[in-house]
PDB file of N, CA and C in Angstrom:
ATOM      1  N   MET A   1     254.554 143.210 155.043  1.00  0.00           N
ATOM      2  CA  MET A   1     255.414 144.028 154.293  1.00  0.00           C
ATOM      3  C   MET A   1     255.851 143.221 153.098  1.00  0.00           C
ATOM      4  N   ALA A   2     256.255 141.924 153.318  1.00  0.00           N
ATOM      5  CA  ALA A   2     256.622 141.067 152.194  1.00  0.00           C
ATOM      6  C   ALA A   2     255.435 140.774 151.279  1.00  0.00           C
ATOM      7  N   ARG A   3     254.183 140.668 151.845  1.00  0.00           N
ATOM      8  CA  ARG A   3     253.042 140.490 150.971  1.00  0.00           C
ATOM      9  C   ARG A   3     252.777 141.698 150.064  1.00  0.00           C
ATOM     10  N   GLU A   4     253.026 142.819 150.645  1.00  0.00           N
ATOM     11  CA  GLU A   4     252.656 144.097 149.871  1.00  0.00           C
ATOM     12  C   GLU A   4     253.764 144.259 148.803  1.00  0.00           C
ATOM     13  N   ARG A   5     254.960 143.864 149.013  1.00  0.00           N
ATOM     14  CA  ARG A   5     255.993 143.891 148.034  1.00  0.00           C
ATOM     15  C   ARG A   5     255.751 142.871 146.853  1.00  0.00           C
ATOM     16  N   GLU A   6     255.253 141.689 147.327  1.00  0.00           N
ATOM     17  CA  GLU A   6     254.803 140.697 146.286  1.00  0.00           C
ATOM     18  C   GLU A   6     253.707 141.196 145.371  1.00  0.00           C
ATOM     19  N   ARG A   7     252.641 141.919 145.976  1.00  0.00           N
ATOM     20  CA  ARG A   7     251.535 142.386 145.197  1.00  0.00           C
ATOM     21  C   ARG A   7     252.105 143.475 144.247  1.00  0.00           C
ATOM     22  N   ARG A   8     252.971 144.257 144.731  1.00  0.00           N
ATOM     23  CA  ARG A   8     253.444 145.352 143.809  1.00  0.00           C
ATOM     24  C   ARG A   8     254.293 144.698 142.647  1.00  0.00           C
ATOM     25  N   ARG A   9     255.111 143.725 142.911  1.00  0.00           N
ATOM     26  CA  ARG A   9     255.870 142.934 141.924  1.00  0.00           C
ATOM     27  C   ARG A   9     254.936 142.363 140.940  1.00  0.00           C
ATOM     28  N   VAL A  10     253.961 141.745 141.390  1.00  0.00           N
ATOM     29  CA  VAL A  10     252.953 140.984 140.434  1.00  0.00           C
ATOM     30  C   VAL A  10     252.179 142.034 139.678  1.00  0.00           C
ATOM     31  N   GLY A  11     251.804 143.122 140.213  1.00  0.00           N
ATOM     32  CA  GLY A  11     251.112 144.186 139.581  1.00  0.00           C
ATOM     33  C   GLY A  11     252.022 144.685 138.390  1.00  0.00           C
ATOM     34  N   ALA A  12     253.229 144.982 138.764  1.00  0.00           N
ATOM     35  CA  ALA A  12     254.125 145.512 137.691  1.00  0.00           C
ATOM     36  C   ALA A  12     254.370 144.525 136.566  1.00  0.00           C
ATOM     37  N   ARG A  13     254.303 143.240 136.865  1.00  0.00           N
ATOM     38  CA  ARG A  13     254.529 142.154 135.856  1.00  0.00           C
ATOM     39  C   ARG A  13     253.179 142.157 135.016  1.00  0.00           C
ATOM     40  N   ILE A  14     252.061 142.265 135.572  1.00  0.00           N
ATOM     41  CA  ILE A  14     250.862 142.291 134.832  1.00  0.00           C
ATOM     42  C   ILE A  14     250.874 143.503 133.789  1.00  0.00           C
ATOM     43  N   ALA A  15     251.260 144.632 134.297  1.00  0.00           N
ATOM     44  CA  ALA A  15     251.346 145.883 133.504  1.00  0.00           C
ATOM     45  C   ALA A  15     252.353 145.648 132.350  1.00  0.00           C
ATOM     46  N   ALA A  16     253.435 145.109 132.652  1.00  0.00           N
ATOM     47  CA  ALA A  16     254.482 144.842 131.578  1.00  0.00           C
ATOM     48  C   ALA A  16     253.914 143.852 130.505  1.00  0.00           C
ATOM     49  N   LEU A  17     253.265 142.791 130.987  1.00  0.00           N
ATOM     50  CA  LEU A  17     252.683 141.740 130.029  1.00  0.00           C
ATOM     51  C   LEU A  17     251.580 142.304 129.182  1.00  0.00           C
ATOM     52  N   ARG A  18     250.772 143.171 129.924  1.00  0.00           N
ATOM     53  CA  ARG A  18     249.677 143.856 129.127  1.00  0.00           C
ATOM     54  C   ARG A  18     250.126 144.720 128.070  1.00  0.00           C
ATOM     55  N   GLU A  19     251.200 145.557 128.356  1.00  0.00           N
ATOM     56  CA  GLU A  19     251.742 146.433 127.421  1.00  0.00           C
ATOM     57  C   GLU A  19     252.416 145.710 126.341  1.00  0.00           C
ATOM     58  N   ALA A  20     253.162 144.688 126.575  1.00  0.00           N
ATOM     59  CA  ALA A  20     253.733 143.881 125.616  1.00  0.00           C
ATOM     60  C   ALA A  20     252.719 143.323 124.525  1.00  0.00           C
ATOM     61  N   LYS A  21     251.555 143.031 124.980  1.00  0.00           N
ATOM     62  CA  LYS A  21     250.476 142.524 124.142  1.00  0.00           C
ATOM     63  C   LYS A  21     249.756 143.638 123.396  1.00  0.00           C
ATOM     64  N   GLY A  22     250.196 144.913 123.742  1.00  0.00           N
ATOM     65  CA  GLY A  22     249.589 146.010 123.200  1.00  0.00           C
ATOM     66  C   GLY A  22     248.136 146.283 123.644  1.00  0.00           C
ATOM     67  N   LEU A  23     247.705 145.842 124.836  1.00  0.00           N
ATOM     68  CA  LEU A  23     246.468 146.101 125.396  1.00  0.00           C
ATOM     69  C   LEU A  23     246.577 147.336 126.348  1.00  0.00           C
ATOM     70  N   THR A  24     245.456 148.023 126.365  1.00  0.00           N
ATOM     71  CA  THR A  24     245.266 149.142 127.340  1.00  0.00           C
ATOM     72  C   THR A  24     244.612 148.477 128.533  1.00  0.00           C
ATOM     73  N   ARG A  25     244.643 149.243 129.661  1.00  0.00           N
ATOM     74  CA  ARG A  25     243.937 148.828 130.911  1.00  0.00           C
ATOM     75  C   ARG A  25     242.497 148.692 130.702  1.00  0.00           C
ATOM     76  N   THR A  26     241.991 149.558 129.801  1.00  0.00           N
ATOM     77  CA  THR A  26     240.467 149.371 129.523  1.00  0.00           C
ATOM     78  C   THR A  26     240.154 148.082 128.727  1.00  0.00           C
ATOM     79  N   GLN A  27     241.019 147.748 127.792  1.00  0.00           N
ATOM     80  CA  GLN A  27     240.863 146.458 127.067  1.00  0.00           C
ATOM     81  C   GLN A  27     241.015 145.270 127.905  1.00  0.00           C
ATOM     82  N   LEU A  28     241.910 145.318 128.743  1.00  0.00           N
ATOM     83  CA  LEU A  28     242.180 144.064 129.729  1.00  0.00           C
ATOM     84  C   LEU A  28     240.942 143.972 130.626  1.00  0.00           C
ATOM     85  N   ALA A  29     240.545 145.185 131.123  1.00  0.00           N
ATOM     86  CA  ALA A  29     239.332 145.185 132.072  1.00  0.00           C
ATOM     87  C   ALA A  29     238.139 144.597 131.414  1.00  0.00           C
ATOM     88  N   ALA A  30     237.885 145.005 130.100  1.00  0.00           N
ATOM     89  CA  ALA A  30     236.697 144.511 129.432  1.00  0.00           C
ATOM     90  C   ALA A  30     236.859 143.047 129.206  1.00  0.00           C
ATOM     91  N   ALA A  31     238.093 142.515 128.892  1.00  0.00           N
ATOM     92  CA  ALA A  31     238.267 141.039 128.732  1.00  0.00           C
ATOM     93  C   ALA A  31     237.927 140.197 129.960  1.00  0.00           C
ATOM     94  N   ILE A  32     238.174 140.815 131.075  1.00  0.00           N
ATOM     95  CA  ILE A  32     237.929 140.004 132.264  1.00  0.00           C
ATOM     96  C   ILE A  32     236.666 140.422 133.078  1.00  0.00           C
ATOM     97  N   GLY A  33     235.964 141.323 132.530  1.00  0.00           N
ATOM     98  CA  GLY A  33     234.659 141.739 133.193  1.00  0.00           C
ATOM     99  C   GLY A  33     235.011 142.637 134.476  1.00  0.00           C
ATOM    100  N   ALA A  34     235.943 143.454 134.388  1.00  0.00           N
ATOM    101  CA  ALA A  34     236.284 144.327 135.494  1.00  0.00           C
ATOM    102  C   ALA A  34     236.346 145.813 135.060  1.00  0.00           C
ATOM    103  N   SER A  35     236.639 146.703 135.822  1.00  0.00           N
ATOM    104  CA  SER A  35     236.727 148.138 135.557  1.00  0.00           C
ATOM    105  C   SER A  35     238.167 148.356 135.227  1.00  0.00           C
ATOM    106  N   GLU A  36     238.306 149.549 134.568  1.00  0.00           N
ATOM    107  CA  GLU A  36     239.699 150.001 134.294  1.00  0.00           C
ATOM    108  C   GLU A  36     240.375 150.350 135.720  1.00  0.00           C
ATOM    109  N   ARG A  37     239.607 150.924 136.592  1.00  0.00           N
ATOM    110  CA  ARG A  37     240.164 151.255 137.853  1.00  0.00           C
ATOM    111  C   ARG A  37     240.589 150.066 138.671  1.00  0.00           C
ATOM    112  N   THR A  38     239.849 149.020 138.542  1.00  0.00           N
ATOM    113  CA  THR A  38     240.280 147.608 139.139  1.00  0.00           C
ATOM    114  C   THR A  38     241.719 147.251 138.554  1.00  0.00           C
ATOM    115  N   ILE A  39     241.878 147.326 137.299  1.00  0.00           N
ATOM    116  CA  ILE A  39     243.161 146.990 136.688  1.00  0.00           C
ATOM    117  C   ILE A  39     244.231 147.949 137.217  1.00  0.00           C
ATOM    118  N   ALA A  40     243.933 149.265 137.301  1.00  0.00           N
ATOM    119  CA  ALA A  40     244.931 150.204 137.790  1.00  0.00           C
ATOM    120  C   ALA A  40     245.358 149.725 139.210  1.00  0.00           C
ATOM    121  N   ARG A  41     244.384 149.455 140.012  1.00  0.00           N
ATOM    122  CA  ARG A  41     244.611 149.027 141.395  1.00  0.00           C
ATOM    123  C   ARG A  41     245.590 147.840 141.423  1.00  0.00           C
ATOM    124  N   ILE A  42     245.193 146.864 140.673  1.00  0.00           N
ATOM    125  CA  ILE A  42     245.908 145.593 140.670  1.00  0.00           C
ATOM    126  C   ILE A  42     247.368 145.977 140.188  1.00  0.00           C
ATOM    127  N   GLU A  43     247.555 146.627 139.234  1.00  0.00           N
ATOM    128  CA  GLU A  43     248.938 146.961 138.677  1.00  0.00           C
ATOM    129  C   GLU A  43     249.740 147.783 139.617  1.00  0.00           C
ATOM    130  N   THR A  44     249.119 148.506 140.481  1.00  0.00           N
ATOM    131  CA  THR A  44     249.845 149.248 141.566  1.00  0.00           C
ATOM    132  C   THR A  44     249.923 148.614 142.857  1.00  0.00           C
ATOM    133  N   GLY A  45     249.557 147.281 142.889  1.00  0.00           N
ATOM    134  CA  GLY A  45     249.843 146.548 144.225  1.00  0.00           C
ATOM    135  C   GLY A  45     248.628 146.220 144.973  1.00  0.00           C
ATOM    136  N   GLY A  46     247.418 146.493 144.370  1.00  0.00           N
ATOM    137  CA  GLY A  46     246.129 146.167 145.067  1.00  0.00           C
ATOM    138  C   GLY A  46     245.902 144.774 145.208  1.00  0.00           C
ATOM    139  N   GLU A  47     244.969 144.338 145.973  1.00  0.00           N
ATOM    140  CA  GLU A  47     244.532 142.889 146.202  1.00  0.00           C
ATOM    141  C   GLU A  47     244.229 142.259 144.833  1.00  0.00           C
ATOM    142  N   LEU A  48     244.607 141.041 144.715  1.00  0.00           N
ATOM    143  CA  LEU A  48     244.236 140.221 143.506  1.00  0.00           C
ATOM    144  C   LEU A  48     243.779 138.798 143.872  1.00  0.00           C
ATOM    145  N   SER A  49     242.577 138.513 143.637  1.00  0.00           N
ATOM    146  CA  SER A  49     242.068 137.145 143.904  1.00  0.00           C
ATOM    147  C   SER A  49     242.643 136.169 142.965  1.00  0.00           C
ATOM    148  N   PHE A  50     242.581 134.892 143.340  1.00  0.00           N
ATOM    149  CA  PHE A  50     243.103 133.818 142.560  1.00  0.00           C
ATOM    150  C   PHE A  50     242.261 133.732 141.255  1.00  0.00           C
ATOM    151  N   GLU A  51     240.956 133.904 141.236  1.00  0.00           N
ATOM    152  CA  GLU A  51     240.016 133.825 140.138  1.00  0.00           C
ATOM    153  C   GLU A  51     240.407 135.014 139.191  1.00  0.00           C
ATOM    154  N   ARG A  52     240.598 136.100 139.610  1.00  0.00           N
ATOM    155  CA  ARG A  52     240.921 137.306 138.811  1.00  0.00           C
ATOM    156  C   ARG A  52     242.342 137.089 138.164  1.00  0.00           C
ATOM    157  N   ALA A  53     243.274 136.628 138.979  1.00  0.00           N
ATOM    158  CA  ALA A  53     244.580 136.399 138.447  1.00  0.00           C
ATOM    159  C   ALA A  53     244.621 135.355 137.316  1.00  0.00           C
ATOM    160  N   ASP A  54     243.698 134.313 137.508  1.00  0.00           N
ATOM    161  CA  ASP A  54     243.544 133.339 136.549  1.00  0.00           C
ATOM    162  C   ASP A  54     243.062 133.869 135.166  1.00  0.00           C
ATOM    163  N   CYS A  55     241.983 134.708 135.326  1.00  0.00           N
ATOM    164  CA  CYS A  55     241.405 135.385 134.133  1.00  0.00           C
ATOM    165  C   CYS A  55     242.451 136.280 133.369  1.00  0.00           C
ATOM    166  N   ILE A  56     243.191 137.033 134.196  1.00  0.00           N
ATOM    167  CA  ILE A  56     244.169 137.925 133.587  1.00  0.00           C
ATOM    168  C   ILE A  56     245.246 137.138 132.960  1.00  0.00           C
ATOM    169  N   ALA A  57     245.706 135.995 133.559  1.00  0.00           N
ATOM    170  CA  ALA A  57     246.750 135.090 133.042  1.00  0.00           C
ATOM    171  C   ALA A  57     246.259 134.574 131.641  1.00  0.00           C
ATOM    172  N   GLN A  58     244.943 134.218 131.609  1.00  0.00           N
ATOM    173  CA  GLN A  58     244.466 133.620 130.314  1.00  0.00           C
ATOM    174  C   GLN A  58     244.477 134.681 129.264  1.00  0.00           C
ATOM    175  N   VAL A  59     243.952 135.834 129.551  1.00  0.00           N
ATOM    176  CA  VAL A  59     243.851 136.954 128.590  1.00  0.00           C
ATOM    177  C   VAL A  59     245.359 137.222 128.069  1.00  0.00           C
ATOM    178  N   LEU A  60     246.312 137.272 128.932  1.00  0.00           N
ATOM    179  CA  LEU A  60     247.666 137.648 128.608  1.00  0.00           C
ATOM    180  C   LEU A  60     248.501 136.483 127.930  1.00  0.00           C
ATOM    181  N   GLY A  61     247.784 135.316 127.941  1.00  0.00           N
ATOM    182  CA  GLY A  61     248.491 134.098 127.352  1.00  0.00           C
ATOM    183  C   GLY A  61     249.673 133.518 128.103  1.00  0.00           C
ATOM    184  N   VAL A  62     249.616 133.651 129.511  1.00  0.00           N
ATOM    185  CA  VAL A  62     250.646 133.090 130.293  1.00  0.00           C
ATOM    186  C   VAL A  62     250.026 132.325 131.397  1.00  0.00           C
ATOM    187  N   THR A  63     250.841 131.451 132.127  1.00  0.00           N
ATOM    188  CA  THR A  63     250.363 130.672 133.264  1.00  0.00           C
ATOM    189  C   THR A  63     250.390 131.618 134.463  1.00  0.00           C
ATOM    190  N   LEU A  64     249.743 131.132 135.548  1.00  0.00           N
ATOM    191  CA  LEU A  64     249.782 131.840 136.835  1.00  0.00           C
ATOM    192  C   LEU A  64     251.317 131.815 137.320  1.00  0.00           C
ATOM    193  N   ASP A  65     252.067 130.865 137.051  1.00  0.00           N
ATOM    194  CA  ASP A  65     253.449 130.909 137.487  1.00  0.00           C
ATOM    195  C   ASP A  65     254.217 132.004 136.766  1.00  0.00           C
ATOM    196  N   GLU A  66     253.870 132.060 135.458  1.00  0.00           N
ATOM    197  CA  GLU A  66     254.580 133.151 134.621  1.00  0.00           C
ATOM    198  C   GLU A  66     254.122 134.546 135.032  1.00  0.00           C
ATOM    199  N   LEU A  67     252.855 134.601 135.405  1.00  0.00           N
ATOM    200  CA  LEU A  67     252.326 135.874 135.918  1.00  0.00           C
ATOM    201  C   LEU A  67     253.091 136.336 137.170  1.00  0.00           C
ATOM    202  N   ARG A  68     253.398 135.393 137.956  1.00  0.00           N
ATOM    203  CA  ARG A  68     254.179 135.820 139.284  1.00  0.00           C
ATOM    204  C   ARG A  68     255.624 135.889 139.069  1.00  0.00           C
ATOM    205  N   ALA A  69     256.184 135.419 137.927  1.00  0.00           N
ATOM    206  CA  ALA A  69     257.674 135.436 137.791  1.00  0.00           C
ATOM    207  C   ALA A  69     258.184 136.933 137.710  1.00  0.00           C
ATOM    208  N   ALA A  70     259.327 137.068 138.247  1.00  0.00           N
ATOM    209  CA  ALA A  70     259.946 138.372 138.252  1.00  0.00           C
ATOM    210  C   ALA A  70     260.768 138.573 137.016  1.00  0.00           C
TER     211      ALA A  70
END
């Protein structure tokens, strides 16, 4: 339960950071070599590997800690 809540929180943070940078899900997906559907899943609380989180953080210009910050 707590893990699911954490995934949803991180996903919402990714969506907010992406939107603040003016990126679409499609653009973020292309930048990390994933599909738009994968980004949608992540932003709605889907599984997120360390490697993919690191790629997303780099594209969004934040650290992994900042990506996890509420």
